[in-house]
Amino acid sequence: MRVSLSTIILLVLLFTSFASIAETDQRVRVVEPFISLYTGPGVGYPVFLDLERGTWLSIQRRQVDWYEVITDKKETGWIRHVDLVKTVSIDDQPVKLYDERQNDFIQRNLEFGALWGEVGEASLFTMFGSFVFTNNLAVDLSVSQMIGNLSSSKLYDVNLVAQPFPEWRVSPYFSMGMGRIKTTTNTTLVKEHDRDDRTANVGLGLRAYLTRSFFLRAEYKELVIFTSTNDYEELEIWSIGIGSFF
């Protein structure tokens, strides 16, 4: 199970890396006699081109009720929401536009939040922050506090996170990373030295867009601790929490 999970996540990370490089924007086709292309996001900007029926457009971004688009001839401009909803997608279906807030979630740059969970018989509290550098890939930094009966630990992680389907409201993700764990024993109960060890982990989870700037995050990780005695320990981490995006 552990070998297969690691292998699957590694393949997904590699696949998503190449997919994000080759990713294309949402494409739509004009089916009205013409659509006016403005130089900016507002009727106060001049119309510089009328797009004829059959013209293909790539949607770049949204600003309130306006969309920046690029034609196949590399002409860039803005069209109104009321005009865009009259276009069709590649499969000749009416174009599906995401909720503005959900679209903001897809296009987010930063995430911050907290998770609560358990590691074996120990409780876990995690603070995380993520930098999203494409729709599919992010770098995640986290600090966790584990509190058990015999010891407590602080875990510092950096992970590469792959999200293959960022447009889904409930979207799976995969992660792989490394870090350090510092363990302090309760000397009144056990006679062991404090430890500072390297770690590696693989994980999978779900992000669910909630509302406004908030999302739910739940994940499972397999953590490997490389001890100073050239041995290793394996732990399973389950956690769930709330995050905010910008």
Protein backbone atom coordinates (compact mmCIF):
# COMPACT_ATOMS: atom_id res chain seq x y z
CA MET A 1 0.00 0.00 0.00
CA ARG A 2 2.71 2.49 0.92
CA VAL A 3 4.83 1.76 -2.15
CA SER A 4 1.85 1.98 -4.50
CA LEU A 5 0.61 5.25 -2.95
CA SER A 6 4.06 6.84 -3.31
CA THR A 7 4.37 5.67 -6.91
CA ILE A 8 0.90 6.89 -7.88
CA ILE A 9 1.45 10.33 -6.36
CA LEU A 10 4.87 10.69 -8.01
CA LEU A 11 3.33 9.88 -11.41
CA VAL A 12 0.47 12.33 -10.81
CA LEU A 13 2.93 15.08 -9.85
CA LEU A 14 4.97 14.49 -13.01
CA PHE A 15 1.86 14.33 -15.22
CA THR A 16 0.39 17.48 -13.69
CA SER A 17 3.68 19.35 -14.12
CA PHE A 18 3.64 18.73 -17.88
CA ALA A 19 -0.13 19.32 -18.08
CA SER A 20 0.18 22.72 -16.41
CA ILE A 21 2.85 23.79 -18.91
CA ALA A 22 0.62 22.82 -21.84
CA GLU A 23 -2.66 23.98 -20.33
CA THR A 24 -4.90 26.10 -22.56
CA ASP A 25 -7.48 28.70 -21.72
CA GLN A 26 -11.22 28.07 -22.04
CA ARG A 27 -12.10 28.46 -25.73
CA VAL A 28 -15.45 29.62 -27.10
CA ARG A 29 -16.90 30.36 -30.55
CA VAL A 30 -18.98 33.37 -31.57
CA VAL A 31 -22.44 32.33 -32.85
CA GLU A 32 -24.05 35.79 -33.01
CA PRO A 33 -23.71 37.89 -36.21
CA PHE A 34 -20.99 39.84 -34.36
CA ILE A 35 -19.66 40.68 -30.87
CA SER A 36 -17.96 43.98 -30.10
CA LEU A 37 -14.42 43.87 -28.73
CA TYR A 38 -13.51 46.76 -26.41
CA THR A 39 -10.08 48.07 -25.50
CA GLY A 40 -10.92 47.88 -21.77
CA PRO A 41 -13.44 46.46 -19.27
CA GLY A 42 -16.23 49.03 -19.64
CA VAL A 43 -18.53 50.73 -22.15
CA GLY A 44 -16.48 53.89 -21.70
CA TYR A 45 -13.66 52.23 -23.62
CA PRO A 46 -13.80 52.36 -27.42
CA VAL A 47 -14.82 49.41 -29.61
CA PHE A 48 -11.89 48.58 -31.88
CA LEU A 49 -13.12 45.38 -33.53
CA ASP A 50 -16.33 43.50 -34.34
CA LEU A 51 -15.87 39.74 -34.03
CA GLU A 52 -17.81 37.88 -36.71
CA ARG A 53 -19.74 34.63 -36.37
CA GLY A 54 -17.36 31.65 -36.21
CA THR A 55 -14.50 33.54 -34.50
CA TRP A 56 -12.74 31.52 -31.78
CA LEU A 57 -11.80 33.21 -28.49
CA SER A 58 -9.65 32.19 -25.51
CA ILE A 59 -10.94 33.54 -22.18
CA GLN A 60 -8.12 34.98 -20.08
CA ARG A 61 -9.66 36.53 -16.98
CA ARG A 62 -12.74 38.19 -15.56
CA GLN A 63 -13.22 41.66 -14.12
CA VAL A 64 -16.72 42.11 -12.71
CA ASP A 65 -19.01 41.68 -15.79
CA TRP A 66 -16.25 41.86 -18.39
CA TYR A 67 -13.91 39.20 -19.80
CA GLU A 68 -10.51 39.64 -21.37
CA VAL A 69 -10.19 37.45 -24.47
CA ILE A 70 -7.64 36.65 -27.18
CA THR A 71 -8.63 35.74 -30.74
CA ASP A 72 -6.81 33.19 -32.89
CA LYS A 73 -5.24 36.18 -34.66
CA LYS A 74 -3.74 37.29 -31.30
CA GLU A 75 -6.06 40.28 -30.96
CA THR A 76 -6.64 41.04 -27.28
CA GLY A 77 -9.62 42.91 -25.88
CA TRP A 78 -12.64 42.83 -23.56
CA ILE A 79 -16.20 41.63 -24.13
CA ARG A 80 -19.32 41.93 -21.98
CA HIS A 81 -20.75 39.08 -19.92
CA VAL A 82 -24.06 39.32 -21.80
CA ASP A 83 -22.20 38.74 -25.09
CA LEU A 84 -20.03 35.92 -23.79
CA VAL A 85 -22.99 33.83 -22.60
CA LYS A 86 -24.20 33.78 -26.24
CA THR A 87 -21.07 31.90 -27.37
CA VAL A 88 -20.60 28.12 -27.47
CA SER A 89 -17.82 25.81 -26.30
CA ILE A 90 -15.72 23.40 -28.37
CA ASP A 91 -18.49 20.77 -28.22
CA ASP A 92 -21.08 23.33 -29.46
CA GLN A 93 -22.72 23.59 -26.03
CA PRO A 94 -23.60 26.93 -24.37
CA VAL A 95 -20.52 28.22 -22.60
CA LYS A 96 -20.36 27.45 -18.87
CA LEU A 97 -19.02 30.33 -16.81
CA TYR A 98 -17.90 29.72 -13.25
CA ASP A 99 -19.34 31.60 -10.31
CA GLU A 100 -17.18 34.70 -9.84
CA ARG A 101 -16.12 33.66 -6.35
CA GLN A 102 -15.39 30.11 -7.43
CA ASN A 103 -13.38 31.46 -10.35
CA ASP A 104 -11.39 33.54 -7.85
CA PHE A 105 -10.70 30.30 -5.99
CA ILE A 106 -9.41 28.66 -9.16
CA GLN A 107 -7.18 31.67 -9.87
CA ARG A 108 -5.95 32.09 -6.27
CA ASN A 109 -2.30 32.89 -5.53
CA LEU A 110 -2.04 32.34 -1.76
CA GLU A 111 -3.67 30.09 0.83
CA PHE A 112 -3.56 30.16 4.63
CA GLY A 113 -5.36 28.00 7.15
CA ALA A 114 -5.39 25.51 10.02
CA LEU A 115 -5.95 21.76 10.28
CA TRP A 116 -6.84 19.50 13.20
CA GLY A 117 -6.33 15.75 13.29
CA GLU A 118 -4.50 12.81 14.79
CA VAL A 119 -1.26 10.88 14.40
CA GLY A 120 -1.65 7.46 15.98
CA GLU A 121 -2.70 8.24 19.54
CA ALA A 122 -1.42 11.83 19.42
CA SER A 123 -3.49 14.91 18.56
CA LEU A 124 -2.35 17.22 15.78
CA PHE A 125 -2.66 20.94 15.05
CA THR A 126 -1.26 22.37 11.79
CA MET A 127 -0.87 25.87 10.39
CA PHE A 128 -0.23 26.01 6.64
CA GLY A 129 0.47 28.47 3.88
CA SER A 130 0.64 27.79 0.15
CA PHE A 131 1.92 29.65 -2.89
CA VAL A 132 -0.07 28.64 -6.00
CA PHE A 133 2.14 29.22 -9.04
CA THR A 134 -0.16 27.56 -11.63
CA ASN A 135 -3.77 26.35 -11.48
CA ASN A 136 -2.42 22.83 -11.02
CA LEU A 137 0.69 23.16 -8.85
CA ALA A 138 1.50 24.77 -5.51
CA VAL A 139 4.22 24.81 -2.86
CA ASP A 140 2.85 24.18 0.62
CA LEU A 141 4.64 25.13 3.87
CA SER A 142 3.33 23.88 7.20
CA VAL A 143 4.16 23.77 10.91
CA SER A 144 2.47 21.09 13.03
CA GLN A 145 2.29 20.43 16.76
CA MET A 146 1.78 16.81 17.85
CA ILE A 147 0.86 16.19 21.48
CA GLY A 148 0.90 12.67 22.92
CA ASN A 149 0.96 11.09 26.38
CA LEU A 150 4.72 10.39 26.37
CA SER A 151 6.09 13.09 24.08
CA SER A 152 5.33 16.12 21.95
CA SER A 153 6.71 16.98 18.52
CA LYS A 154 6.97 19.87 16.10
CA LEU A 155 6.92 19.01 12.41
CA TYR A 156 8.14 21.40 9.71
CA ASP A 157 7.21 20.47 6.11
CA VAL A 158 7.60 21.75 2.57
CA ASN A 159 5.50 19.96 -0.06
CA LEU A 160 4.79 20.05 -3.77
CA VAL A 161 1.02 19.84 -4.27
CA ALA A 162 -0.68 18.76 -7.52
CA GLN A 163 -4.35 19.55 -8.16
CA PRO A 164 -5.34 17.84 -11.46
CA PHE A 165 -8.89 19.27 -11.60
CA PRO A 166 -8.78 22.85 -10.24
CA GLU A 167 -12.13 23.72 -11.86
CA TRP A 168 -14.03 21.23 -9.70
CA ARG A 169 -15.80 22.66 -6.67
CA VAL A 170 -14.67 19.59 -4.70
CA SER A 171 -11.19 18.88 -6.04
CA PRO A 172 -8.72 16.10 -5.15
CA TYR A 173 -5.03 16.85 -4.71
CA PHE A 174 -1.81 14.91 -4.20
CA SER A 175 1.33 15.93 -2.32
CA MET A 176 4.91 14.87 -1.79
CA GLY A 177 7.47 16.55 0.42
CA MET A 178 10.10 16.52 3.13
CA GLY A 179 10.89 18.23 6.40
CA ARG A 180 12.12 17.85 9.97
CA ILE A 181 10.54 16.69 13.20
CA LYS A 182 11.73 17.74 16.66
CA THR A 183 10.50 15.47 19.46
CA THR A 184 10.59 16.30 23.17
CA THR A 185 9.94 13.46 25.62
CA ASN A 186 8.16 13.70 28.95
CA THR A 187 11.16 12.94 31.17
CA THR A 188 8.97 12.15 34.17
CA LEU A 189 7.56 9.12 32.35
CA VAL A 190 10.24 7.90 29.94
CA LYS A 191 14.02 8.02 29.75
CA GLU A 192 14.76 8.99 26.19
CA HIS A 193 16.76 11.81 24.62
CA ASP A 194 15.08 14.56 22.63
CA ARG A 195 15.32 13.97 18.88
CA ASP A 196 15.72 15.99 15.70
CA ASP A 197 15.08 13.85 12.60
CA ARG A 198 14.49 14.22 8.88
CA THR A 199 11.13 13.28 7.36
CA ALA A 200 9.50 12.53 4.03
CA ASN A 201 5.81 12.20 3.21
CA VAL A 202 3.26 11.49 0.52
CA GLY A 203 -0.39 12.39 0.80
CA LEU A 204 -3.75 12.84 -0.83
CA GLY A 205 -6.67 15.06 0.05
CA LEU A 206 -9.66 17.13 -0.98
CA ARG A 207 -10.30 20.86 -1.24
CA ALA A 208 -13.94 21.95 -1.24
CA TYR A 209 -14.83 25.55 -2.10
CA LEU A 210 -17.31 26.84 0.50
CA THR A 211 -18.18 30.49 0.00
CA ARG A 212 -16.58 33.90 -0.27
CA SER A 213 -12.84 33.35 0.39
CA PHE A 214 -13.05 30.09 2.34
CA PHE A 215 -12.54 26.42 1.54
CA LEU A 216 -12.55 23.11 3.40
CA ARG A 217 -9.42 20.95 3.33
CA ALA A 218 -9.13 17.29 4.37
CA GLU A 219 -6.10 15.07 3.87
CA TYR A 220 -4.34 11.80 4.62
CA LYS A 221 -0.54 11.50 4.74
CA GLU A 222 2.00 8.73 5.18
CA LEU A 223 4.96 10.15 7.13
CA VAL A 224 8.37 8.48 7.28
CA ILE A 225 10.80 9.57 10.01
CA PHE A 226 14.50 8.84 9.38
CA THR A 227 16.10 8.40 12.82
CA SER A 228 19.73 8.97 13.82
CA THR A 229 20.17 5.20 14.27
CA ASN A 230 19.77 4.68 10.49
CA ASP A 231 16.31 3.25 11.09
CA TYR A 232 12.92 4.70 10.17
CA GLU A 233 9.44 5.03 11.62
CA GLU A 234 6.17 5.26 9.72
CA LEU A 235 3.13 7.24 10.83
CA GLU A 236 -0.31 7.90 9.37
CA ILE A 237 -1.74 11.42 9.61
CA TRP A 238 -5.43 12.29 9.24
CA SER A 239 -6.52 15.93 9.39
CA ILE A 240 -9.26 18.36 8.39
CA GLY A 241 -9.60 22.12 8.57
CA ILE A 242 -10.49 25.49 7.06
CA GLY A 243 -8.47 27.74 4.79
CA SER A 244 -8.73 31.16 3.18
CA PHE A 245 -7.40 32.24 -0.22
CA PHE A 246 -6.23 35.47 -1.84
